[in-house]
Amino acid sequence: MEAEINYLKVGKATDLSGRDRKIYRFFEILPGVLSWGTLIGLTTFSYFYPTWVAYFLLAFDVYWLLLVIYLGIHLIVSYKKMQENVKVDWKTECEKIDGWGEVVQLIIFPTYREPLEVIRPSFQSLLDDGYPTEKMIVVLAVEERGGEEAIFNAKTIEKEFGGRFKRFLYTVHPDDIPNELKGKGANQAWAAKEVKREIIDMDGIDTDNLLVSVFDMDTIIRPGYFYRLTYLFKTVENPYRASYQPIPVYHNNVWQAPFFARVAASSNTFWQMMQQIRQEKLATYSSHSMTWRA
């Protein structure tokens, strides 16, 4: 009897066998074949059928022009909505809602080898947010493979910030878990399990009012973020079947970064802003939040 395949563990064709492997490999190859085929085909056919190639290029240019206009409109709308949200006093809006004060924020920062110069501002931004820190559980999720320096950084942050939140915990993700794909996802999953065992179960925290935010280590939240998050949680139609995705704006060290890095970061910010407006393209990315029940 053929063993059941866990498709959540499949990342490449070699993870499969038989017919499934051939199908997966076909779709792995397809983007490259289409890209190279287009370039080689245009070069070849421009000699034999120059008129048809010219028509194709004109149609392609028109397509990209319309696409740029379409995305540009979404970018402008997204920017205006972002500016409207920034102007709102979300603390005042939250205080109008019954039960907002029962919401506890669980914040997980997965880290590998980021220095203290990167870690500190992220923790300071939590204090500067304005949300009651006695309603915050903060976790620094360290990788064992980060070595002694990672442990030292975690203990330093615990000493500097540990007593300023409802609970603080640093976890160490083991490096030798069989069949586990190393990365941010595995680290944050381990941290969540440790939080459940060390804090949620022991303190009897109501998970119906527990919001989980997983942030990249260099995330610096804008003041009022958690009030806005809490307001959405309390007002959306299906709060336990929703993900809460802020717009990532890459400008923490924009003037210290090289030119090409600034262009790439700005382009990514624009892309994420456009995606926020396109309902059919909504997906979690980078730093985001959801309920513990989800």
Protein backbone atom coordinates (compact mmCIF):
# COMPACT_ATOMS: atom_id res chain seq x y z
CA MET A 1 0.00 0.00 0.00
CA GLU A 2 1.44 3.39 -1.00
CA ALA A 3 2.31 5.66 1.91
CA GLU A 4 0.11 8.72 2.33
CA ILE A 5 1.85 11.92 1.24
CA ASN A 6 1.75 15.00 3.43
CA TYR A 7 1.54 17.69 0.76
CA LEU A 8 2.25 20.41 3.30
CA LYS A 9 5.81 19.02 3.39
CA VAL A 10 6.28 19.10 -0.38
CA GLY A 11 8.63 21.83 -1.58
CA LYS A 12 10.13 20.42 -4.79
CA ALA A 13 9.63 17.65 -7.32
CA THR A 14 12.18 15.34 -5.67
CA ASP A 15 9.92 15.16 -2.61
CA LEU A 16 7.46 13.17 -4.75
CA SER A 17 7.60 10.04 -6.87
CA GLY A 18 5.91 8.53 -9.91
CA ARG A 19 3.23 10.49 -11.76
CA ASP A 20 3.00 13.22 -9.10
CA ARG A 21 6.72 13.93 -9.45
CA LYS A 22 6.46 14.29 -13.24
CA ILE A 23 3.47 16.66 -12.98
CA TYR A 24 5.16 18.76 -10.30
CA ARG A 25 8.40 18.90 -12.31
CA PHE A 26 6.48 19.96 -15.41
CA PHE A 27 5.02 22.97 -13.62
CA GLU A 28 8.43 23.78 -12.09
CA ILE A 29 9.93 23.95 -15.58
CA LEU A 30 7.00 25.74 -17.25
CA PRO A 31 7.77 29.37 -16.16
CA GLY A 32 11.36 29.12 -17.31
CA VAL A 33 10.39 27.50 -20.61
CA LEU A 34 7.82 30.22 -21.31
CA SER A 35 10.27 33.01 -20.43
CA TRP A 36 13.16 31.68 -22.49
CA GLY A 37 10.82 30.54 -25.23
CA THR A 38 9.42 34.05 -25.58
CA LEU A 39 12.86 35.66 -25.80
CA ILE A 40 14.31 33.10 -28.19
CA GLY A 41 11.10 32.98 -30.22
CA LEU A 42 10.99 36.76 -30.69
CA THR A 43 14.61 36.82 -31.78
CA THR A 44 14.10 33.95 -34.22
CA PHE A 45 10.76 34.98 -35.68
CA SER A 46 11.83 38.62 -36.06
CA TYR A 47 13.98 37.41 -38.96
CA PHE A 48 11.36 35.24 -40.64
CA TYR A 49 8.13 37.08 -39.67
CA PRO A 50 9.10 40.63 -38.62
CA THR A 51 5.59 42.01 -39.10
CA TRP A 52 3.99 39.50 -36.76
CA VAL A 53 6.68 40.09 -34.15
CA ALA A 54 6.05 43.84 -34.42
CA TYR A 55 2.32 43.27 -33.81
CA PHE A 56 3.13 41.11 -30.81
CA LEU A 57 5.45 43.73 -29.31
CA LEU A 58 2.89 46.49 -29.83
CA ALA A 59 0.19 44.41 -28.14
CA PHE A 60 2.58 43.59 -25.30
CA ASP A 61 3.42 47.29 -24.82
CA VAL A 62 -0.27 48.20 -24.74
CA TYR A 63 -0.88 45.46 -22.17
CA TRP A 64 1.87 46.82 -19.90
CA LEU A 65 0.60 50.39 -20.32
CA LEU A 66 -2.90 49.36 -19.22
CA LEU A 67 -1.45 47.29 -16.35
CA VAL A 68 0.61 50.23 -15.08
CA ILE A 69 -2.46 52.51 -15.20
CA TYR A 70 -4.54 49.86 -13.40
CA LEU A 71 -1.95 49.35 -10.65
CA GLY A 72 -1.29 53.08 -10.39
CA ILE A 73 -4.95 53.75 -9.62
CA HIS A 74 -4.84 51.09 -6.88
CA LEU A 75 -1.67 52.64 -5.45
CA ILE A 76 -3.25 56.10 -5.23
CA VAL A 77 -6.42 54.75 -3.61
CA SER A 78 -4.37 52.72 -1.12
CA TYR A 79 -2.25 55.73 -0.20
CA LYS A 80 -5.34 57.87 0.45
CA LYS A 81 -6.88 55.16 2.62
CA MET A 82 -3.63 54.78 4.55
CA GLN A 83 -3.51 58.52 5.19
CA GLU A 84 -7.14 58.48 6.36
CA ASN A 85 -6.33 55.68 8.84
CA VAL A 86 -3.27 57.49 10.16
CA LYS A 87 -5.36 60.54 11.07
CA VAL A 88 -7.84 58.56 13.20
CA ASP A 89 -7.38 58.39 16.98
CA TRP A 90 -7.85 54.63 17.32
CA LYS A 91 -7.52 54.71 21.09
CA THR A 92 -10.63 56.87 21.29
CA GLU A 93 -12.42 54.60 18.81
CA CYS A 94 -11.52 51.52 20.86
CA GLU A 95 -12.81 53.07 24.07
CA LYS A 96 -16.25 53.30 22.45
CA ILE A 97 -16.39 49.50 22.12
CA ASP A 98 -17.38 47.21 24.99
CA GLY A 99 -14.78 44.64 25.94
CA TRP A 100 -11.81 46.09 24.08
CA GLY A 101 -9.79 46.13 27.30
CA GLU A 102 -10.06 42.35 27.57
CA VAL A 103 -7.99 41.85 24.42
CA VAL A 104 -4.46 40.61 25.06
CA GLN A 105 -1.74 41.05 22.46
CA LEU A 106 0.77 38.24 21.93
CA ILE A 107 3.74 39.50 19.93
CA ILE A 108 6.32 37.05 18.58
CA PHE A 109 9.65 38.23 17.17
CA PRO A 110 11.51 35.39 15.41
CA THR A 111 15.22 36.18 15.24
CA TYR A 112 18.33 34.47 13.99
CA ARG A 113 21.49 36.58 14.05
CA GLU A 114 20.12 40.12 14.20
CA PRO A 115 22.29 42.37 16.44
CA LEU A 116 20.98 44.27 19.44
CA GLU A 117 20.99 47.44 17.34
CA VAL A 118 18.16 45.91 15.31
CA ILE A 119 16.31 44.20 18.16
CA ARG A 120 16.11 47.11 20.60
CA PRO A 121 14.16 49.55 18.38
CA SER A 122 11.53 46.90 17.69
CA PHE A 123 10.90 46.38 21.40
CA GLN A 124 10.97 50.10 22.08
CA SER A 125 8.30 50.62 19.42
CA LEU A 126 5.98 48.35 21.43
CA LEU A 127 6.36 50.66 24.43
CA ASP A 128 5.84 53.71 22.22
CA ASP A 129 2.66 52.27 20.67
CA GLY A 130 0.50 53.47 23.57
CA TYR A 131 -1.42 50.22 24.04
CA PRO A 132 -1.45 49.09 27.71
CA THR A 133 1.73 47.07 28.19
CA GLU A 134 0.02 45.04 30.90
CA LYS A 135 -2.01 43.60 28.02
CA MET A 136 1.08 42.54 26.05
CA ILE A 137 2.85 39.18 26.04
CA VAL A 138 6.11 39.52 24.15
CA VAL A 139 8.21 36.62 22.90
CA LEU A 140 11.70 36.73 21.44
CA ALA A 141 12.07 33.49 19.46
CA VAL A 142 15.75 32.62 19.16
CA GLU A 143 17.35 29.98 16.94
CA GLU A 144 19.69 27.53 18.64
CA ARG A 145 21.89 27.65 15.54
CA GLY A 146 22.32 31.36 16.20
CA GLY A 147 24.90 30.38 18.80
CA GLU A 148 25.91 32.00 22.07
CA GLU A 149 25.51 35.51 20.68
CA ALA A 150 21.79 34.94 20.03
CA ILE A 151 21.29 33.69 23.61
CA PHE A 152 23.26 36.65 24.96
CA ASN A 153 21.10 39.08 22.97
CA ALA A 154 17.92 37.42 24.26
CA LYS A 155 19.06 37.68 27.88
CA THR A 156 20.07 41.31 27.35
CA ILE A 157 16.64 42.18 25.94
CA GLU A 158 14.98 40.29 28.79
CA LYS A 159 16.95 42.35 31.27
CA GLU A 160 16.14 45.65 29.57
CA PHE A 161 12.49 45.06 28.61
CA GLY A 162 11.28 41.92 30.41
CA GLY A 163 9.62 43.69 33.34
CA ARG A 164 7.80 46.23 31.21
CA PHE A 165 5.16 43.88 29.74
CA LYS A 166 2.49 41.56 31.11
CA ARG A 167 4.80 38.65 30.35
CA PHE A 168 8.10 38.27 28.53
CA LEU A 169 9.55 35.03 27.28
CA TYR A 170 12.47 34.10 25.10
CA THR A 171 12.41 30.69 23.47
CA VAL A 172 15.18 28.68 21.83
CA HIS A 173 14.19 26.73 18.73
CA PRO A 174 16.19 23.47 18.58
CA ASP A 175 18.33 22.89 15.52
CA ASP A 176 17.93 19.12 15.31
CA ILE A 177 14.20 18.49 14.86
CA PRO A 178 13.83 15.68 12.28
CA ASN A 179 12.23 16.50 8.90
CA GLU A 180 11.70 20.15 9.82
CA LEU A 181 12.33 22.88 7.28
CA LYS A 182 14.56 25.48 8.93
CA GLY A 183 13.28 29.02 8.80
CA LYS A 184 11.08 31.70 10.33
CA GLY A 185 7.92 29.57 10.21
CA ALA A 186 9.40 26.70 12.19
CA ASN A 187 10.84 29.09 14.76
CA GLN A 188 7.58 30.96 15.35
CA ALA A 189 5.60 27.69 15.53
CA TRP A 190 7.97 26.43 18.24
CA ALA A 191 7.64 29.74 20.10
CA ALA A 192 3.83 29.51 20.00
CA LYS A 193 3.93 26.02 21.52
CA GLU A 194 6.20 27.25 24.29
CA VAL A 195 3.92 30.22 24.96
CA LYS A 196 0.94 27.89 25.29
CA ARG A 197 2.77 25.66 27.72
CA GLU A 198 4.56 28.36 29.73
CA ILE A 199 2.01 31.19 29.79
CA ILE A 200 -1.42 30.54 28.28
CA ASP A 201 -2.11 27.27 30.09
CA MET A 202 -0.44 28.28 33.35
CA ASP A 203 -2.05 31.72 33.54
CA GLY A 204 -5.44 30.60 32.21
CA ILE A 205 -5.52 33.26 29.49
CA ASP A 206 -8.77 33.50 27.54
CA THR A 207 -7.74 32.59 23.98
CA ASP A 208 -10.99 34.04 22.61
CA ASN A 209 -9.48 37.47 23.32
CA LEU A 210 -5.89 36.68 22.37
CA LEU A 211 -4.49 38.30 19.23
CA VAL A 212 -1.20 36.99 17.86
CA SER A 213 1.18 39.21 15.91
CA VAL A 214 4.25 37.71 14.27
CA PHE A 215 6.71 40.43 13.33
CA ASP A 216 9.99 40.36 11.45
CA MET A 217 12.77 41.28 13.83
CA ASP A 218 13.32 44.69 12.26
CA THR A 219 9.63 45.65 12.44
CA ILE A 220 8.95 49.01 14.05
CA ILE A 221 5.23 49.53 14.47
CA ARG A 222 3.59 52.90 14.10
CA PRO A 223 2.11 54.23 17.38
CA GLY A 224 -1.53 53.20 17.65
CA TYR A 225 -1.11 49.96 15.69
CA PHE A 226 -2.51 47.73 18.43
CA TYR A 227 -5.48 50.01 19.03
CA ARG A 228 -6.26 49.80 15.32
CA LEU A 229 -5.81 46.02 15.40
CA THR A 230 -8.08 45.69 18.42
CA TYR A 231 -10.72 47.90 16.80
CA LEU A 232 -10.76 45.70 13.71
CA PHE A 233 -10.94 42.52 15.79
CA LYS A 234 -13.95 43.85 17.63
CA THR A 235 -15.79 45.17 14.57
CA VAL A 236 -15.19 42.82 11.62
CA GLU A 237 -17.90 40.32 10.73
CA ASN A 238 -15.88 37.12 11.29
CA PRO A 239 -12.94 38.06 13.54
CA TYR A 240 -11.79 34.46 14.06
CA ARG A 241 -11.68 33.78 10.33
CA ALA A 242 -9.67 36.87 9.44
CA SER A 243 -6.03 37.82 9.11
CA TYR A 244 -4.96 41.37 9.82
CA GLN A 245 -2.30 42.59 7.40
CA PRO A 246 -0.75 46.04 7.80
CA ILE A 247 1.07 47.77 4.96
CA PRO A 248 4.83 47.20 5.34
CA VAL A 249 6.71 50.42 4.70
CA TYR A 250 10.45 49.87 4.25
CA HIS A 251 12.01 53.12 5.40
CA ASN A 252 13.62 52.41 8.79
CA ASN A 253 17.13 52.94 7.39
CA VAL A 254 16.27 54.10 3.90
CA TRP A 255 18.99 56.78 3.73
CA GLN A 256 21.69 54.46 5.04
CA ALA A 257 20.91 51.73 2.50
CA PRO A 258 22.55 51.54 -0.96
CA PHE A 259 20.72 53.08 -3.90
CA PHE A 260 19.53 49.82 -5.43
CA ALA A 261 18.31 48.58 -2.03
CA ARG A 262 16.26 51.77 -1.66
CA VAL A 263 14.68 51.27 -5.07
CA ALA A 264 13.83 47.64 -4.29
CA ALA A 265 12.42 48.53 -0.86
CA SER A 266 10.28 51.35 -2.23
CA SER A 267 9.00 49.14 -5.02
CA ASN A 268 8.03 46.46 -2.52
CA THR A 269 6.18 49.03 -0.42
CA PHE A 270 4.26 50.23 -3.48
CA TRP A 271 3.44 46.64 -4.47
CA GLN A 272 2.10 45.81 -1.00
CA MET A 273 -0.02 48.97 -1.03
CA MET A 274 -1.55 47.98 -4.36
CA GLN A 275 -2.22 44.44 -3.14
CA GLN A 276 -4.15 45.76 -0.13
CA ILE A 277 -6.77 47.25 -2.44
CA ARG A 278 -7.03 44.24 -4.74
CA GLN A 279 -9.38 42.04 -2.71
CA GLU A 280 -8.71 38.99 -4.85
CA LYS A 281 -4.97 39.24 -4.08
CA LEU A 282 -5.13 39.59 -0.30
CA ALA A 283 -2.62 37.40 1.54
CA THR A 284 -0.52 37.61 4.69
CA TYR A 285 2.99 38.90 4.19
CA SER A 286 5.95 39.57 6.46
CA SER A 287 4.54 41.03 9.71
CA HIS A 288 0.86 40.35 10.34
CA SER A 289 -1.68 39.41 13.03
CA MET A 290 -4.49 36.93 13.60
CA THR A 291 -6.43 35.42 16.47
CA TRP A 292 -5.02 32.54 18.52
CA ARG A 293 -8.13 30.52 17.70
CA ALA A 294 -7.39 30.80 13.99
